[in-house]
Amino acid sequence: MQQSHRPAGQNSSLNFPPRGSRAEARPRRGTPESVRVAAARALGARFRARHSSSGRGPPLHRGRRGGCAGAPRGPAPGSALGGPNFTLGEGSGLVKIMAKSGLGQDPDMTAAATILKRATELDSEAKFQQALTCYQEGLDLLLRVMKGIKDNNKKCNLKAKISHYMDRAENIKKYLDQEKEDGKYHKQIKIEENATGFSYESLLKEYLNETVTEVWIEDPYIRQTHQLYNFLRFCEMLIKSCKVKTIHLLTSVDAGNRTEQLIALEEIKRSLGSHGVLLEVEYSSSIHDREIRLNNGWQIKIGRGLDYFKRPQGSFSLGYCDFDLRPCRETTVDIFHNKHTKKL
């Protein structure tokens, strides 16, 4: 798989300087006790704030953050977007903290180090959406670890690293939010012939959250038996991944087997209804485009629509049930964001 994310435009206030450049943060002085206490309590809550329906994240700063003298401070709002001045492989990073604090055996700390290392790699490759997801997951783990640390010095050292990663994650989120606001966000995923690991959930999970309540699917080939099963699997994925209430399907009529198509879609409709989801089906004889739209603004265009999987080798072969193990046909996936998602 080849993956690229190249912003189509660049906001002058959000340019990405080279990692380790002088645009990075400088240490700050100590803060009053009242500010430190309030900031410490807000540290976890601030980052845990997830994407709201408006797509805007938390502000970059709420006064001085931290509670330890010498803790690093991230770029000020409106400044150039700078990254952490350390990596996981450096002695001043998480590896050193793990060694000094005896946290090397903590599974959450080990997992956080691995995830954040991947985040910095994706960040350096300009794969910002994926990097942001890894930063968020890694920070959640570090916050969990910090709650169990009693030693104040160790807690301050870890908090400084959390603060630094958090600044980077928030700056990336601000950048991506601006790209979405300007309608410039575009990510392309190229699925190669016989590639695996591209189930509907793996492909779309980072765009599905509790804000998704309505989905539009435009695909002319929800007609044959295996295509109807593809649509059923896609609906199952939506039920598990978000709080969908309405699914709109626009497809074409199977002139050779219309009865089976209508019966299958009606059965899917009844089944979705038992889960509190409404399925609305419309038919068009001139439909050609393949597109999925979510009411949180994401727009996904898959070259082959939902039918990009190869036929399994047999009924008892790997990939028959788990689509992550099913070989794919070559296709391209283009992902955009538009806050004014229109209905079909």
Protein backbone atom coordinates (compact mmCIF):
# COMPACT_ATOMS: atom_id res chain seq x y z
CA MET A 1 0.00 0.00 0.00
CA GLN A 2 1.15 3.47 -0.79
CA GLN A 3 -0.29 6.30 1.18
CA SER A 4 0.08 10.01 0.79
CA HIS A 5 -1.28 13.13 2.42
CA ARG A 6 -0.29 16.36 0.78
CA PRO A 7 -2.26 19.45 1.76
CA ALA A 8 -3.47 21.31 -1.31
CA GLY A 9 -2.89 24.68 0.32
CA GLN A 10 -0.71 26.13 3.02
CA ASN A 11 -1.69 28.67 5.64
CA SER A 12 1.25 30.95 6.37
CA SER A 13 0.59 30.75 10.10
CA LEU A 14 0.61 26.96 10.05
CA ASN A 15 3.81 26.13 8.16
CA PHE A 16 5.63 23.01 9.31
CA PRO A 17 9.30 23.79 10.14
CA PRO A 18 11.84 20.96 10.22
CA ARG A 19 11.65 18.93 13.41
CA GLY A 20 14.31 20.12 15.85
CA SER A 21 14.28 23.66 14.41
CA ARG A 22 14.48 26.89 16.41
CA ALA A 23 10.70 27.27 16.13
CA GLU A 24 10.37 24.86 19.03
CA ALA A 25 9.41 25.66 22.59
CA ARG A 26 11.73 27.05 25.27
CA PRO A 27 11.56 26.16 28.97
CA ARG A 28 9.43 28.35 31.15
CA ARG A 29 9.77 29.51 34.73
CA GLY A 30 7.82 28.14 37.69
CA THR A 31 4.17 29.09 38.11
CA PRO A 32 2.13 30.02 41.21
CA GLU A 33 0.82 27.05 43.20
CA SER A 34 -2.85 27.84 42.46
CA VAL A 35 -2.17 27.90 38.73
CA ARG A 36 -0.16 24.68 38.90
CA VAL A 37 -2.90 22.82 40.75
CA ALA A 38 -5.61 23.98 38.34
CA ALA A 39 -3.44 23.18 35.33
CA ALA A 40 -2.61 19.72 36.60
CA ARG A 41 -6.30 18.91 37.02
CA ALA A 42 -7.07 20.20 33.54
CA LEU A 43 -4.17 18.40 31.83
CA GLY A 44 -5.97 15.12 31.24
CA ALA A 45 -9.40 16.65 30.59
CA ARG A 46 -8.05 19.06 28.00
CA PHE A 47 -6.61 16.40 25.77
CA ARG A 48 -9.47 13.94 26.22
CA ALA A 49 -11.83 16.39 24.57
CA ARG A 50 -12.63 14.60 21.33
CA HIS A 51 -13.78 15.89 17.95
CA SER A 52 -17.03 17.71 18.37
CA SER A 53 -19.66 17.92 15.62
CA SER A 54 -18.13 21.23 14.57
CA GLY A 55 -14.75 19.53 14.04
CA ARG A 56 -12.91 22.02 16.26
CA GLY A 57 -10.46 20.87 18.90
CA PRO A 58 -9.37 22.38 22.22
CA PRO A 59 -7.41 25.66 22.24
CA LEU A 60 -3.65 25.39 22.14
CA HIS A 61 -3.18 27.06 25.53
CA ARG A 62 -5.13 27.85 28.64
CA GLY A 63 -2.61 30.01 30.43
CA ARG A 64 0.61 28.38 31.60
CA ARG A 65 0.47 24.62 31.69
CA GLY A 66 2.27 22.13 33.84
CA GLY A 67 3.37 22.15 37.45
CA CYS A 68 7.12 21.57 37.24
CA ALA A 69 9.75 24.25 36.93
CA GLY A 70 11.51 23.96 33.61
CA ALA A 71 8.67 22.07 31.89
CA PRO A 72 8.69 22.73 28.12
CA ARG A 73 6.14 25.00 26.54
CA GLY A 74 4.69 24.50 23.09
CA PRO A 75 4.42 27.08 20.33
CA ALA A 76 2.13 29.99 21.04
CA PRO A 77 -1.12 30.27 19.04
CA GLY A 78 -0.47 31.58 15.56
CA SER A 79 3.22 30.72 15.59
CA ALA A 80 4.93 28.33 13.20
CA LEU A 81 4.05 24.70 13.86
CA GLY A 82 6.99 23.12 15.64
CA GLY A 83 7.52 19.55 16.80
CA PRO A 84 8.96 18.03 19.96
CA ASN A 85 12.72 18.56 20.31
CA PHE A 86 13.26 14.93 21.30
CA THR A 87 12.53 11.49 19.96
CA LEU A 88 11.84 8.23 21.70
CA GLY A 89 15.31 7.01 20.88
CA GLU A 90 17.08 9.89 22.63
CA GLY A 91 18.26 9.67 26.22
CA SER A 92 16.06 12.63 27.17
CA GLY A 93 12.88 10.95 25.94
CA LEU A 94 10.54 8.31 27.26
CA VAL A 95 13.21 5.61 27.16
CA LYS A 96 15.23 7.48 29.79
CA ILE A 97 12.15 8.07 31.94
CA MET A 98 11.27 4.38 31.74
CA ALA A 99 14.78 3.42 32.85
CA LYS A 100 15.01 5.93 35.72
CA SER A 101 11.51 5.42 37.08
CA GLY A 102 11.39 1.66 36.81
CA LEU A 103 8.43 1.87 34.44
CA GLY A 104 10.08 -0.28 31.79
CA GLN A 105 7.96 -3.25 32.86
CA ASP A 106 4.69 -1.30 32.80
CA PRO A 107 2.72 -2.59 29.77
CA ASP A 108 0.95 0.77 29.30
CA MET A 109 4.27 2.64 29.30
CA THR A 110 5.80 0.18 26.82
CA ALA A 111 2.76 0.43 24.56
CA ALA A 112 2.80 4.24 24.78
CA ALA A 113 6.48 4.36 23.76
CA THR A 114 5.80 2.15 20.75
CA ILE A 115 2.73 4.11 19.64
CA LEU A 116 4.38 7.52 20.08
CA LYS A 117 7.44 6.37 18.19
CA ARG A 118 5.13 5.45 15.32
CA ALA A 119 3.42 8.83 15.68
CA THR A 120 6.69 10.72 15.22
CA GLU A 121 7.54 8.58 12.18
CA LEU A 122 4.18 9.31 10.55
CA ASP A 123 4.56 12.97 11.51
CA SER A 124 7.94 13.20 9.76
CA GLU A 125 6.37 11.61 6.65
CA ALA A 126 3.64 14.30 6.62
CA LYS A 127 0.94 11.68 7.29
CA PHE A 128 -0.66 14.01 9.78
CA GLN A 129 -4.08 12.41 10.24
CA GLN A 130 -2.54 9.04 11.09
CA ALA A 131 0.10 10.71 13.27
CA LEU A 132 -2.61 12.54 15.21
CA THR A 133 -4.44 9.29 15.92
CA CYS A 134 -1.23 7.70 17.25
CA TYR A 135 -0.40 10.76 19.36
CA GLN A 136 -3.88 10.62 20.90
CA GLU A 137 -3.67 6.91 21.69
CA GLY A 138 -0.15 7.22 23.12
CA LEU A 139 -1.08 10.22 25.26
CA ASP A 140 -4.11 8.43 26.68
CA LEU A 141 -1.79 5.64 27.82
CA LEU A 142 0.74 8.07 29.32
CA LEU A 143 -2.00 9.86 31.25
CA ARG A 144 -3.07 6.50 32.65
CA VAL A 145 0.51 5.73 33.69
CA MET A 146 0.95 9.14 35.31
CA LYS A 147 -2.04 8.57 37.60
CA GLY A 148 -0.21 5.65 39.20
CA ILE A 149 3.08 7.47 39.84
CA LYS A 150 3.53 8.67 43.44
CA ASP A 151 7.01 10.20 43.21
CA ASN A 152 6.63 13.92 42.40
CA ASN A 153 9.93 14.20 40.48
CA LYS A 154 9.09 11.23 38.27
CA LYS A 155 5.60 12.58 37.74
CA CYS A 156 6.99 16.00 36.73
CA ASN A 157 9.40 14.45 34.23
CA LEU A 158 6.62 12.41 32.64
CA LYS A 159 4.26 15.38 32.67
CA ALA A 160 6.83 17.42 30.75
CA LYS A 161 6.97 14.79 28.01
CA ILE A 162 3.18 14.55 27.94
CA SER A 163 2.97 18.31 27.60
CA HIS A 164 5.43 18.30 24.72
CA TYR A 165 3.64 15.52 22.81
CA MET A 166 0.33 17.21 23.54
CA ASP A 167 1.52 20.48 22.03
CA ARG A 168 2.53 18.65 18.88
CA ALA A 169 -0.79 16.79 18.65
CA GLU A 170 -2.80 19.95 19.18
CA ASN A 171 -0.84 21.88 16.57
CA ILE A 172 -1.38 19.09 14.05
CA LYS A 173 -5.07 19.03 14.88
CA LYS A 174 -5.29 22.79 14.41
CA TYR A 175 -3.57 22.46 11.05
CA LEU A 176 -5.91 19.66 9.91
CA ASP A 177 -8.97 21.54 11.13
CA GLN A 178 -7.91 24.52 9.05
CA GLU A 179 -7.40 22.31 6.02
CA LYS A 180 -10.89 20.88 6.49
CA GLU A 181 -12.37 24.33 6.98
CA ASP A 182 -10.77 25.50 3.75
CA GLY A 183 -11.88 22.37 1.88
CA LYS A 184 -8.26 21.48 1.08
CA TYR A 185 -7.95 18.16 2.90
CA HIS A 186 -7.19 15.22 0.61
CA LYS A 187 -5.79 11.83 1.48
CA GLN A 188 -5.26 9.06 -1.04
CA ILE A 189 -4.82 5.37 -0.32
CA LYS A 190 -3.70 3.03 -3.08
CA ILE A 191 -4.71 -0.58 -2.52
CA GLU A 192 -2.53 -2.92 -4.54
CA GLU A 193 -3.61 -6.15 -6.19
CA ASN A 194 -3.91 -9.00 -3.65
CA ALA A 195 -3.22 -6.66 -0.71
CA THR A 196 -4.83 -7.58 2.61
CA GLY A 197 -5.73 -5.61 5.74
CA PHE A 198 -8.33 -3.39 4.10
CA SER A 199 -11.63 -4.39 5.64
CA TYR A 200 -14.24 -1.63 5.78
CA GLU A 201 -13.46 -1.10 9.45
CA SER A 202 -9.69 -0.86 8.96
CA LEU A 203 -10.12 1.54 6.06
CA LEU A 204 -12.66 3.89 7.63
CA LYS A 205 -12.40 3.56 11.42
CA GLU A 206 -10.52 6.84 11.94
CA TYR A 207 -13.42 8.76 10.35
CA LEU A 208 -16.21 7.05 12.29
CA ASN A 209 -17.07 8.28 15.79
CA GLU A 210 -20.09 9.12 17.90
CA THR A 211 -20.80 12.25 15.81
CA VAL A 212 -21.73 10.10 12.81
CA THR A 213 -25.50 9.62 12.78
CA GLU A 214 -26.29 9.68 9.05
CA VAL A 215 -24.53 8.01 6.11
CA TRP A 216 -25.07 8.26 2.35
CA ILE A 217 -23.87 5.45 0.09
CA GLU A 218 -23.89 5.80 -3.67
CA ASP A 219 -22.90 2.56 -5.41
CA PRO A 220 -24.43 1.17 -8.62
CA TYR A 221 -23.38 -2.39 -7.80
CA ILE A 222 -25.35 -3.45 -4.75
CA ARG A 223 -27.16 -6.04 -6.82
CA GLN A 224 -25.60 -9.50 -6.93
CA THR A 225 -25.54 -11.80 -3.91
CA HIS A 226 -21.93 -11.12 -2.88
CA GLN A 227 -22.45 -7.36 -3.35
CA LEU A 228 -25.52 -7.46 -1.10
CA TYR A 229 -23.42 -9.25 1.52
CA ASN A 230 -20.78 -6.53 1.15
CA PHE A 231 -23.43 -3.92 1.91
CA LEU A 232 -24.65 -5.94 4.89
CA ARG A 233 -21.09 -6.11 6.28
CA PHE A 234 -20.71 -2.38 5.77
CA CYS A 235 -23.91 -1.77 7.75
CA GLU A 236 -22.69 -4.05 10.53
CA MET A 237 -19.48 -2.03 10.69
CA LEU A 238 -21.49 1.21 11.03
CA ILE A 239 -23.58 -0.24 13.86
CA LYS A 240 -20.41 -1.18 15.79
CA SER A 241 -18.38 1.96 15.05
CA CYS A 242 -20.75 4.92 15.43
CA LYS A 243 -24.23 6.02 16.48
CA VAL A 244 -25.78 5.87 13.03
CA LYS A 245 -29.53 6.46 12.86
CA THR A 246 -30.15 6.73 9.11
CA ILE A 247 -28.47 5.07 6.12
CA HIS A 248 -29.27 6.22 2.59
CA LEU A 249 -28.46 3.88 -0.30
CA LEU A 250 -28.60 4.89 -3.95
CA THR A 251 -27.96 1.98 -6.31
CA SER A 252 -29.13 0.52 -9.62
CA VAL A 253 -31.68 -2.20 -10.30
CA ASP A 254 -30.53 -5.70 -11.20
CA ALA A 255 -32.71 -6.30 -14.24
CA GLY A 256 -31.77 -9.98 -14.37
CA ASN A 257 -32.48 -10.74 -10.73
CA ARG A 258 -34.57 -7.87 -9.37
CA THR A 259 -36.57 -10.07 -7.00
CA GLU A 260 -33.56 -11.34 -5.05
CA GLN A 261 -32.16 -7.81 -4.79
CA LEU A 262 -35.43 -6.38 -3.45
CA ILE A 263 -35.93 -9.24 -0.96
CA ALA A 264 -32.36 -8.97 0.35
CA LEU A 265 -32.48 -5.19 0.80
CA GLU A 266 -35.86 -5.42 2.51
CA GLU A 267 -34.48 -8.00 4.93
CA ILE A 268 -31.48 -5.77 5.67
CA LYS A 269 -33.88 -2.88 6.22
CA ARG A 270 -35.92 -4.86 8.76
CA SER A 271 -32.79 -6.03 10.55
CA LEU A 272 -31.42 -2.47 10.78
CA GLY A 273 -34.81 -1.32 12.03
CA SER A 274 -34.56 -3.73 14.96
CA HIS A 275 -31.39 -1.82 15.94
CA GLY A 276 -33.09 1.56 15.65
CA VAL A 277 -31.57 2.40 12.25
CA LEU A 278 -33.59 3.55 9.25
CA LEU A 279 -32.51 2.35 5.79
CA GLU A 280 -33.76 4.37 2.82
CA VAL A 281 -33.15 2.80 -0.61
CA GLU A 282 -33.47 4.60 -3.95
CA TYR A 283 -32.73 3.32 -7.45
CA SER A 284 -31.25 5.06 -10.47
CA SER A 285 -30.61 3.77 -13.99
CA SER A 286 -27.96 6.41 -14.70
CA ILE A 287 -25.82 6.14 -11.56
CA HIS A 288 -22.08 5.60 -12.14
CA ASP A 289 -20.28 7.31 -9.24
CA ARG A 290 -19.23 5.44 -6.12
CA GLU A 291 -19.17 7.50 -2.97
CA ILE A 292 -19.70 7.35 0.80
CA ARG A 293 -20.55 10.51 2.76
CA LEU A 294 -20.75 10.91 6.51
CA ASN A 295 -22.63 13.71 8.22
CA ASN A 296 -19.46 14.70 10.11
CA GLY A 297 -18.10 15.99 6.80
CA TRP A 298 -15.98 13.07 5.58
CA GLN A 299 -16.33 12.02 1.96
CA ILE A 300 -14.84 8.71 0.79
CA LYS A 301 -14.55 7.73 -2.86
CA ILE A 302 -13.51 4.13 -3.54
CA GLY A 303 -12.74 3.38 -7.18
CA ARG A 304 -14.53 0.01 -7.07
CA GLY A 305 -17.15 0.98 -4.51
CA LEU A 306 -17.77 -1.60 -1.79
CA ASP A 307 -16.93 -4.43 -4.18
CA TYR A 308 -13.11 -4.32 -4.03
CA PHE A 309 -12.54 -7.74 -2.49
CA LYS A 310 -11.61 -10.85 -4.43
CA ARG A 311 -13.64 -14.01 -4.26
CA PRO A 312 -12.39 -16.28 -1.43
CA GLN A 313 -10.60 -19.46 -2.43
CA GLY A 314 -13.19 -21.56 -0.65
CA SER A 315 -15.94 -21.51 1.95
CA PHE A 316 -13.49 -22.59 4.64
CA SER A 317 -10.48 -20.50 3.62
CA LEU A 318 -9.03 -17.57 5.56
CA GLY A 319 -10.67 -14.33 4.55
CA TYR A 320 -14.08 -15.85 3.97
CA CYS A 321 -15.40 -14.25 7.20
CA ASP A 322 -12.67 -11.77 8.17
CA PHE A 323 -12.30 -9.22 5.39
CA ASP A 324 -8.94 -8.04 6.76
CA LEU A 325 -7.61 -11.39 5.52
CA ARG A 326 -9.40 -11.20 2.17
CA PRO A 327 -7.18 -10.29 -0.84
CA CYS A 328 -8.26 -7.09 -2.61
CA ARG A 329 -8.48 -5.95 -6.19
CA GLU A 330 -6.34 -2.98 -7.11
CA THR A 331 -8.16 0.28 -6.47
CA THR A 332 -7.70 3.81 -5.16
CA VAL A 333 -9.43 5.44 -2.21
CA ASP A 334 -9.71 9.23 -2.08
CA ILE A 335 -10.78 10.87 1.16
CA PHE A 336 -11.92 14.48 1.44
CA HIS A 337 -13.54 16.64 4.08
CA ASN A 338 -16.36 19.05 3.44
CA LYS A 339 -18.31 20.57 6.31
CA HIS A 340 -21.25 21.13 3.97
CA THR A 341 -21.95 17.48 3.12
CA LYS A 342 -24.93 17.46 0.82
CA LYS A 343 -27.63 14.85 0.64
CA LEU A 344 -28.20 12.65 -2.38
